[in-house]
């Protein structure tokens, strides 16, 4: 279990979290692991497309597409006020 998994397993039930906005570096590693952990727990997960990076544009593009396939919602930073 990742560190985020441990934190989530302890805090989410207590806090009643239903929606999480995700941004970060290395979309194909850290961000992806976090998104999977959240979705596994039934949390609505919103990935900020212009807030996720990777070492290469190919990695970034592939994993943004992957987030859509696994049912994470992709948004842009200017859309955050509606979440």
C-alpha atoms as a PDB file:
ATOM      1  CA  UNK A   1       0.000   0.000   0.000  1.00  0.00           C
ATOM      2  CA  UNK A   2       1.303   3.446  -0.859  1.00  0.00           C
ATOM      3  CA  UNK A   3       1.602   6.160   1.765  1.00  0.00           C
ATOM      4  CA  UNK A   4      -1.404   7.866   0.238  1.00  0.00           C
ATOM      5  CA  UNK A   5      -3.279   4.586   0.592  1.00  0.00           C
ATOM      6  CA  UNK A   6      -2.503   4.475   4.289  1.00  0.00           C
ATOM      7  CA  UNK A   7      -3.519   8.104   4.774  1.00  0.00           C
ATOM      8  CA  UNK A   8      -6.687   7.626   2.762  1.00  0.00           C
ATOM      9  CA  UNK A   9      -7.692   4.490   4.591  1.00  0.00           C
ATOM     10  CA  UNK A  10      -7.444   6.366   7.885  1.00  0.00           C
ATOM     11  CA  UNK A  11      -8.810   9.798   6.982  1.00  0.00           C
ATOM     12  CA  UNK A  12     -11.430   9.425   4.278  1.00  0.00           C
ATOM     13  CA  UNK A  13     -13.978   7.517   6.362  1.00  0.00           C
ATOM     14  CA  UNK A  14     -13.548   9.957   9.247  1.00  0.00           C
ATOM     15  CA  UNK A  15     -13.783  13.098   7.113  1.00  0.00           C
ATOM     16  CA  UNK A  16     -16.520  11.873   4.781  1.00  0.00           C
ATOM     17  CA  UNK A  17     -14.572  12.992   1.702  1.00  0.00           C
ATOM     18  CA  UNK A  18     -16.453  12.483  -1.576  1.00  0.00           C
ATOM     19  CA  UNK A  19     -14.405  14.545  -4.084  1.00  0.00           C
ATOM     20  CA  UNK A  20     -10.666  15.026  -4.490  1.00  0.00           C
ATOM     21  CA  UNK A  21      -8.785  17.263  -6.940  1.00  0.00           C
ATOM     22  CA  UNK A  22      -5.415  15.853  -8.028  1.00  0.00           C
ATOM     23  CA  UNK A  23      -2.366  17.597  -9.465  1.00  0.00           C
ATOM     24  CA  UNK A  24       1.293  16.650  -9.295  1.00  0.00           C
ATOM     25  CA  UNK A  25       4.528  15.675 -10.947  1.00  0.00           C
ATOM     26  CA  UNK A  26       5.193  12.378 -12.723  1.00  0.00           C
ATOM     27  CA  UNK A  27       1.690  11.571 -13.853  1.00  0.00           C
ATOM     28  CA  UNK A  28       2.652   8.048 -14.791  1.00  0.00           C
ATOM     29  CA  UNK A  29       3.926   7.195 -11.307  1.00  0.00           C
ATOM     30  CA  UNK A  30       2.833   9.181  -8.249  1.00  0.00           C
ATOM     31  CA  UNK A  31      -0.289  10.781  -9.665  1.00  0.00           C
ATOM     32  CA  UNK A  32      -1.455   7.525 -11.233  1.00  0.00           C
ATOM     33  CA  UNK A  33      -0.997   5.588  -7.979  1.00  0.00           C
ATOM     34  CA  UNK A  34      -2.951   8.223  -6.066  1.00  0.00           C
ATOM     35  CA  UNK A  35      -5.770   8.255  -8.623  1.00  0.00           C
ATOM     36  CA  UNK A  36      -6.057   4.455  -8.490  1.00  0.00           C
ATOM     37  CA  UNK A  37      -6.165   4.476  -4.679  1.00  0.00           C
ATOM     38  CA  UNK A  38      -8.903   7.120  -4.655  1.00  0.00           C
ATOM     39  CA  UNK A  39     -11.021   5.453  -7.319  1.00  0.00           C
ATOM     40  CA  UNK A  40     -10.653   2.096  -5.567  1.00  0.00           C
ATOM     41  CA  UNK A  41     -12.239   3.715  -2.514  1.00  0.00           C
ATOM     42  CA  UNK A  42     -15.127   5.154  -4.529  1.00  0.00           C
ATOM     43  CA  UNK A  43     -13.944   8.765  -4.299  1.00  0.00           C
ATOM     44  CA  UNK A  44     -14.831  11.124  -7.164  1.00  0.00           C
ATOM     45  CA  UNK A  45     -11.407  11.955  -8.546  1.00  0.00           C
ATOM     46  CA  UNK A  46     -10.776  15.083 -10.631  1.00  0.00           C
ATOM     47  CA  UNK A  47      -7.378  15.187 -12.350  1.00  0.00           C
ATOM     48  CA  UNK A  48      -6.183  18.687 -13.303  1.00  0.00           C
ATOM     49  CA  UNK A  49      -4.795  18.165 -16.818  1.00  0.00           C
ATOM     50  CA  UNK A  50      -2.690  21.334 -16.802  1.00  0.00           C
ATOM     51  CA  UNK A  51      -1.565  20.538 -13.261  1.00  0.00           C
ATOM     52  CA  UNK A  52       0.001  17.145 -14.045  1.00  0.00           C
ATOM     53  CA  UNK A  53       3.440  16.729 -15.551  1.00  0.00           C
ATOM     54  CA  UNK A  54       5.838  14.008 -16.638  1.00  0.00           C
ATOM     55  CA  UNK A  55       9.393  13.886 -17.905  1.00  0.00           C
ATOM     56  CA  UNK A  56       8.115  13.502 -21.438  1.00  0.00           C
ATOM     57  CA  UNK A  57       5.029  14.776 -23.233  1.00  0.00           C
ATOM     58  CA  UNK A  58       4.359  11.231 -24.441  1.00  0.00           C
ATOM     59  CA  UNK A  59       4.157   9.907 -20.874  1.00  0.00           C
ATOM     60  CA  UNK A  60       1.933  12.811 -19.881  1.00  0.00           C
ATOM     61  CA  UNK A  61      -0.426  12.393 -22.841  1.00  0.00           C
ATOM     62  CA  UNK A  62      -0.743   8.639 -22.449  1.00  0.00           C
ATOM     63  CA  UNK A  63      -1.541   8.855 -18.770  1.00  0.00           C
ATOM     64  CA  UNK A  64      -4.054  11.673 -19.117  1.00  0.00           C
ATOM     65  CA  UNK A  65      -5.856   9.389 -21.554  1.00  0.00           C
ATOM     66  CA  UNK A  66      -5.482   6.510 -19.082  1.00  0.00           C
ATOM     67  CA  UNK A  67      -7.109   8.592 -16.331  1.00  0.00           C
ATOM     68  CA  UNK A  68     -10.136   9.082 -18.563  1.00  0.00           C
ATOM     69  CA  UNK A  69     -10.368   5.359 -19.304  1.00  0.00           C
ATOM     70  CA  UNK A  70     -10.295   4.398 -15.611  1.00  0.00           C
ATOM     71  CA  UNK A  71     -13.121   6.871 -14.904  1.00  0.00           C
ATOM     72  CA  UNK A  72     -11.198   9.701 -13.307  1.00  0.00           C
ATOM     73  CA  UNK A  73     -12.631  13.053 -14.365  1.00  0.00           C
ATOM     74  CA  UNK A  74     -10.141  15.274 -16.173  1.00  0.00           C
ATOM     75  CA  UNK A  75     -10.500  19.030 -15.772  1.00  0.00           C
ATOM     76  CA  UNK A  76      -8.427  22.126 -16.460  1.00  0.00           C
ATOM     77  CA  UNK A  77      -7.418  24.547 -13.729  1.00  0.00           C
ATOM     78  CA  UNK A  78      -9.820  27.203 -14.943  1.00  0.00           C
ATOM     79  CA  UNK A  79     -12.684  24.751 -14.333  1.00  0.00           C
ATOM     80  CA  UNK A  80     -11.923  24.181 -10.648  1.00  0.00           C
ATOM     81  CA  UNK A  81     -14.449  26.717  -9.420  1.00  0.00           C
ATOM     82  CA  UNK A  82     -17.281  24.426 -10.559  1.00  0.00           C
ATOM     83  CA  UNK A  83     -16.173  21.339  -8.639  1.00  0.00           C
END
